[in-house]
N, C-alpha and C. Protein backbone atom coordinates (compact mmCIF):
# COMPACT_ATOMS: atom_id res chain seq x y z
N MET A 1 5.39 -36.02 -0.06
CA MET A 1 4.73 -34.89 -0.14
C MET A 1 5.98 -34.20 -0.66
N GLN A 2 5.48 -33.30 -1.37
CA GLN A 2 6.42 -32.02 -2.36
C GLN A 2 6.79 -30.93 -1.46
N CYS A 3 8.49 -30.52 -1.22
CA CYS A 3 8.52 -29.46 -0.70
C CYS A 3 8.12 -28.29 -1.58
N HIS A 4 7.61 -27.52 -0.42
CA HIS A 4 7.07 -26.21 -1.04
C HIS A 4 7.90 -25.34 -2.14
N LEU A 5 9.34 -25.25 -2.07
CA LEU A 5 10.44 -24.76 -2.71
C LEU A 5 10.32 -25.41 -3.85
N SER A 6 10.29 -26.64 -3.65
CA SER A 6 10.49 -27.46 -5.37
C SER A 6 9.32 -27.81 -5.90
N SER A 7 7.98 -27.08 -5.62
CA SER A 7 6.65 -27.21 -6.47
C SER A 7 6.70 -26.67 -7.48
N ASP A 8 5.75 -26.92 -8.47
CA ASP A 8 5.83 -25.92 -9.40
C ASP A 8 5.24 -24.93 -9.59
N HIS A 9 4.33 -24.59 -8.69
CA HIS A 9 3.74 -23.21 -8.34
C HIS A 9 4.89 -22.43 -8.11
N HIS A 10 5.85 -22.56 -7.07
CA HIS A 10 6.83 -22.26 -6.73
C HIS A 10 7.96 -21.59 -7.50
N GLN A 11 8.15 -23.03 -8.15
CA GLN A 11 9.19 -22.61 -9.64
C GLN A 11 8.40 -21.42 -10.96
N LYS A 12 7.44 -21.68 -10.92
CA LYS A 12 6.61 -20.76 -11.98
C LYS A 12 6.91 -19.22 -11.74
N ASN A 13 6.55 -19.25 -9.87
CA ASN A 13 6.93 -17.55 -9.33
C ASN A 13 8.22 -17.14 -9.77
N ILE A 14 9.28 -18.27 -9.23
CA ILE A 14 10.63 -17.65 -9.47
C ILE A 14 11.18 -17.20 -10.69
N ARG A 15 10.95 -18.11 -11.62
CA ARG A 15 10.80 -17.81 -13.11
C ARG A 15 10.28 -16.66 -13.38
N LEU A 16 9.19 -16.09 -13.31
CA LEU A 16 8.28 -15.04 -13.40
C LEU A 16 9.21 -13.74 -12.43
N PHE A 17 9.52 -13.90 -11.43
CA PHE A 17 10.53 -12.89 -10.67
C PHE A 17 11.78 -12.46 -11.48
N LEU A 18 12.42 -13.88 -11.85
CA LEU A 18 13.72 -13.36 -12.76
C LEU A 18 13.56 -12.68 -13.82
N GLU A 19 12.17 -12.98 -14.37
CA GLU A 19 12.10 -12.21 -15.69
C GLU A 19 12.26 -10.64 -15.69
N ASN A 20 12.01 -10.25 -14.35
CA ASN A 20 11.48 -8.73 -13.99
C ASN A 20 11.40 -8.66 -12.44
N PRO A 21 12.70 -8.90 -11.84
CA PRO A 21 12.47 -8.52 -10.41
C PRO A 21 12.38 -7.08 -10.31
N ASP A 22 12.47 -6.22 -10.63
CA ASP A 22 12.16 -4.50 -10.40
C ASP A 22 10.40 -4.65 -10.23
N LYS A 23 10.13 -5.13 -10.88
CA LYS A 23 8.42 -4.98 -10.98
C LYS A 23 8.15 -5.73 -9.73
N TYR A 24 8.51 -6.75 -9.47
CA TYR A 24 7.93 -7.56 -8.38
C TYR A 24 8.59 -6.94 -7.11
N ILE A 25 9.66 -6.52 -7.00
CA ILE A 25 9.88 -5.91 -5.66
C ILE A 25 9.12 -4.32 -5.31
N GLU A 26 9.13 -3.82 -6.39
CA GLU A 26 8.10 -2.73 -6.20
C GLU A 26 7.04 -3.17 -6.15
N GLU A 27 6.05 -3.92 -6.60
CA GLU A 27 4.60 -4.42 -6.23
C GLU A 27 4.78 -4.82 -4.26
N TYR A 28 5.76 -5.58 -4.33
CA TYR A 28 5.81 -6.10 -3.13
C TYR A 28 5.99 -5.14 -1.92
N SER A 29 6.92 -4.34 -2.31
CA SER A 29 7.41 -2.93 -1.61
C SER A 29 5.92 -2.06 -0.98
N SER A 30 5.25 -1.81 -2.23
CA SER A 30 4.05 -1.11 -2.17
C SER A 30 3.07 -2.03 -1.39
N ASP A 31 2.52 -3.12 -1.39
CA ASP A 31 1.93 -4.00 -0.84
C ASP A 31 2.22 -3.89 0.96
N PHE A 32 3.32 -4.13 0.63
CA PHE A 32 3.89 -4.02 2.38
C PHE A 32 3.71 -2.89 3.34
N GLU A 33 4.04 -1.71 2.01
CA GLU A 33 3.90 -0.09 3.16
C GLU A 33 2.21 0.02 3.40
N GLN A 34 1.55 -0.31 1.93
CA GLN A 34 0.05 0.10 2.24
C GLN A 34 -0.70 -0.82 3.50
N ASN A 35 -0.49 -2.23 3.38
CA ASN A 35 -0.70 -3.20 4.74
C ASN A 35 -0.27 -2.87 5.65
N PHE A 36 1.03 -2.39 6.08
CA PHE A 36 1.56 -2.13 7.36
C PHE A 36 1.05 -0.52 7.84
N LEU A 37 1.02 0.30 6.84
CA LEU A 37 0.28 1.44 7.42
C LEU A 37 -1.09 1.23 7.58
N ASP A 38 -2.36 0.85 7.07
CA ASP A 38 -3.44 0.29 7.04
C ASP A 38 -3.49 -0.07 8.37
N LEU A 39 -2.83 -1.35 8.87
CA LEU A 39 -2.79 -1.96 10.17
C LEU A 39 -2.54 -0.93 11.19
N TYR A 40 -1.51 -0.32 11.23
CA TYR A 40 -0.94 0.94 12.01
C TYR A 40 -2.28 2.00 12.41
N LYS A 41 -2.68 2.52 11.27
CA LYS A 41 -4.04 3.04 11.58
C LYS A 41 -4.89 2.96 11.54
N ARG A 42 -5.48 1.30 11.48
CA ARG A 42 -7.02 0.83 12.18
C ARG A 42 -6.30 0.57 13.58
N LYS A 43 -5.15 0.30 13.90
CA LYS A 43 -5.74 -0.29 15.45
C LYS A 43 -4.24 0.69 16.10
N TYR A 44 -3.73 1.65 15.80
CA TYR A 44 -2.83 2.34 16.80
C TYR A 44 -2.99 3.48 16.39
N TYR A 45 -3.80 4.15 15.55
CA TYR A 45 -3.70 5.34 15.10
C TYR A 45 -4.22 6.38 16.49
N GLY A 46 -2.80 7.52 16.28
CA GLY A 46 -3.27 8.31 17.44
C GLY A 46 -2.04 8.07 18.62
N ALA A 47 -1.60 7.03 18.64
CA ALA A 47 -0.75 6.51 19.61
C ALA A 47 0.92 6.23 19.33
N ARG A 48 1.72 6.60 20.06
CA ARG A 48 2.95 6.14 19.90
C ARG A 48 3.25 4.75 19.71
N MET A 49 3.67 3.97 19.07
CA MET A 49 4.09 2.61 19.15
C MET A 49 5.11 2.16 18.67
N LEU A 50 6.33 1.23 19.08
CA LEU A 50 7.34 0.76 18.33
C LEU A 50 6.84 0.13 17.05
N ALA A 51 8.03 0.15 16.07
CA ALA A 51 7.19 -0.21 14.76
C ALA A 51 7.49 -1.70 14.81
N ASN A 52 8.28 -2.20 15.82
CA ASN A 52 8.36 -4.00 15.89
C ASN A 52 7.13 -4.27 16.40
N LYS A 53 6.34 -3.64 17.41
CA LYS A 53 5.14 -4.10 17.69
C LYS A 53 4.20 -4.14 16.64
N VAL A 54 4.24 -2.96 15.77
CA VAL A 54 3.15 -3.29 14.50
C VAL A 54 3.60 -4.18 13.74
N TYR A 55 4.84 -4.78 13.49
CA TYR A 55 5.30 -5.53 12.49
C TYR A 55 4.87 -6.91 13.31
N GLN A 56 5.25 -6.97 14.56
CA GLN A 56 4.67 -8.62 15.31
C GLN A 56 3.06 -8.47 14.74
N ASP A 57 2.37 -7.48 15.06
CA ASP A 57 0.77 -8.01 14.66
C ASP A 57 0.62 -8.03 12.89
N TYR A 58 1.32 -7.51 12.16
CA TYR A 58 1.50 -7.43 10.58
C TYR A 58 1.47 -8.71 10.11
N ILE A 59 2.75 -9.17 10.64
CA ILE A 59 3.26 -10.75 10.60
C ILE A 59 2.41 -11.87 10.96
N ALA A 60 1.40 -11.61 11.71
CA ALA A 60 0.76 -12.66 12.89
C ALA A 60 -0.13 -12.76 11.29
N ASN A 61 -0.61 -12.07 10.44
CA ASN A 61 -1.55 -12.50 9.29
C ASN A 61 -0.81 -13.22 8.31
N PRO A 62 -1.27 -14.79 8.22
CA PRO A 62 -0.75 -15.27 7.60
C PRO A 62 -0.68 -15.19 5.74
N ASP A 63 -1.51 -13.96 5.57
CA ASP A 63 -0.75 -13.44 4.40
C ASP A 63 -0.56 -12.12 3.85
N HIS A 64 0.39 -11.93 5.00
CA HIS A 64 1.34 -10.77 4.80
C HIS A 64 2.06 -10.72 3.74
N THR A 65 2.72 -9.61 3.26
CA THR A 65 3.89 -9.41 2.32
C THR A 65 5.32 -9.58 3.20
N HIS A 66 5.96 -10.56 2.80
CA HIS A 66 7.29 -10.63 3.87
C HIS A 66 8.00 -9.45 3.42
N LEU A 67 8.56 -8.99 4.27
CA LEU A 67 9.77 -7.56 4.62
C LEU A 67 11.14 -7.89 3.32
N ASN A 68 11.28 -9.49 3.40
CA ASN A 68 12.23 -9.67 2.62
C ASN A 68 12.10 -9.62 1.18
N ALA A 69 11.21 -9.53 1.01
CA ALA A 69 10.55 -9.44 -0.72
C ALA A 69 10.04 -7.96 -0.91
N THR A 70 10.87 -7.32 -0.24
CA THR A 70 10.47 -5.65 -0.52
C THR A 70 11.84 -4.75 -0.74
N LYS A 71 11.88 -3.91 -0.98
CA LYS A 71 13.10 -2.85 -1.38
C LYS A 71 13.91 -2.59 0.05
N TRP A 72 13.18 -2.87 1.30
CA TRP A 72 13.98 -2.84 2.17
C TRP A 72 14.39 -3.94 2.99
N THR A 73 15.89 -3.97 3.61
CA THR A 73 16.42 -4.90 3.84
C THR A 73 15.88 -4.99 5.62
N LYS A 74 15.47 -4.13 6.16
CA LYS A 74 15.53 -4.07 7.42
C LYS A 74 14.06 -3.40 8.15
N LEU A 75 13.56 -3.32 8.94
CA LEU A 75 12.54 -2.99 9.17
C LEU A 75 12.86 -1.33 9.84
N VAL A 76 13.74 -1.08 10.22
CA VAL A 76 14.24 0.23 10.29
C VAL A 76 14.54 0.97 8.97
N ASP A 77 14.71 0.40 8.33
CA ASP A 77 14.76 0.95 6.74
C ASP A 77 13.61 1.58 6.33
N PHE A 78 12.72 0.57 6.26
CA PHE A 78 11.20 1.09 5.79
C PHE A 78 10.62 2.30 6.73
N VAL A 79 10.94 2.12 8.10
CA VAL A 79 10.41 3.16 8.65
C VAL A 79 11.28 4.47 8.65
N GLN A 80 12.43 4.36 8.68
CA GLN A 80 13.26 5.96 8.14
C GLN A 80 12.67 6.41 6.69
N VAL A 81 12.52 5.54 5.79
CA VAL A 81 12.03 5.97 4.64
C VAL A 81 10.82 6.54 4.45
N THR A 82 9.76 5.75 5.16
CA THR A 82 8.24 6.16 5.39
C THR A 82 8.01 7.59 6.10
N ASP A 83 9.07 7.81 7.61
CA ASP A 83 8.68 9.02 8.09
C ASP A 83 9.18 9.95 7.49
N GLN A 84 10.39 9.89 6.75
CA GLN A 84 11.06 11.00 5.97
C GLN A 84 10.04 11.54 4.77
N ARG A 85 9.21 10.55 4.11
CA ARG A 85 8.20 10.86 3.16
C ARG A 85 7.03 11.68 4.17
N PHE A 86 6.66 11.06 5.09
CA PHE A 86 5.44 11.81 5.78
C PHE A 86 5.83 13.36 6.40
N ARG A 87 7.10 13.55 6.70
CA ARG A 87 7.79 14.94 7.07
C ARG A 87 7.60 15.69 6.12
N ASN A 88 7.86 15.44 5.08
CA ASN A 88 8.20 16.40 3.95
C ASN A 88 6.78 16.77 3.12
């Protein structure tokens, strides 16, 4: 059985990413933000909730966009940027 990292599909995706990393990071960041906030609005809207709790629910979905594929290196970075955007 072939390891996922050495599969043809994964290798093709790596080549595509290396051709234009900014495009993919922006796309993954947008997907992460939209899906994270959609989950928050759908499940927790109106309630104060720790971002880590929402994140644990978010990553329970096997089709989630990984945080490490985005422009944010930590969940707290994402929360701070998002909070600033909604306060302005």
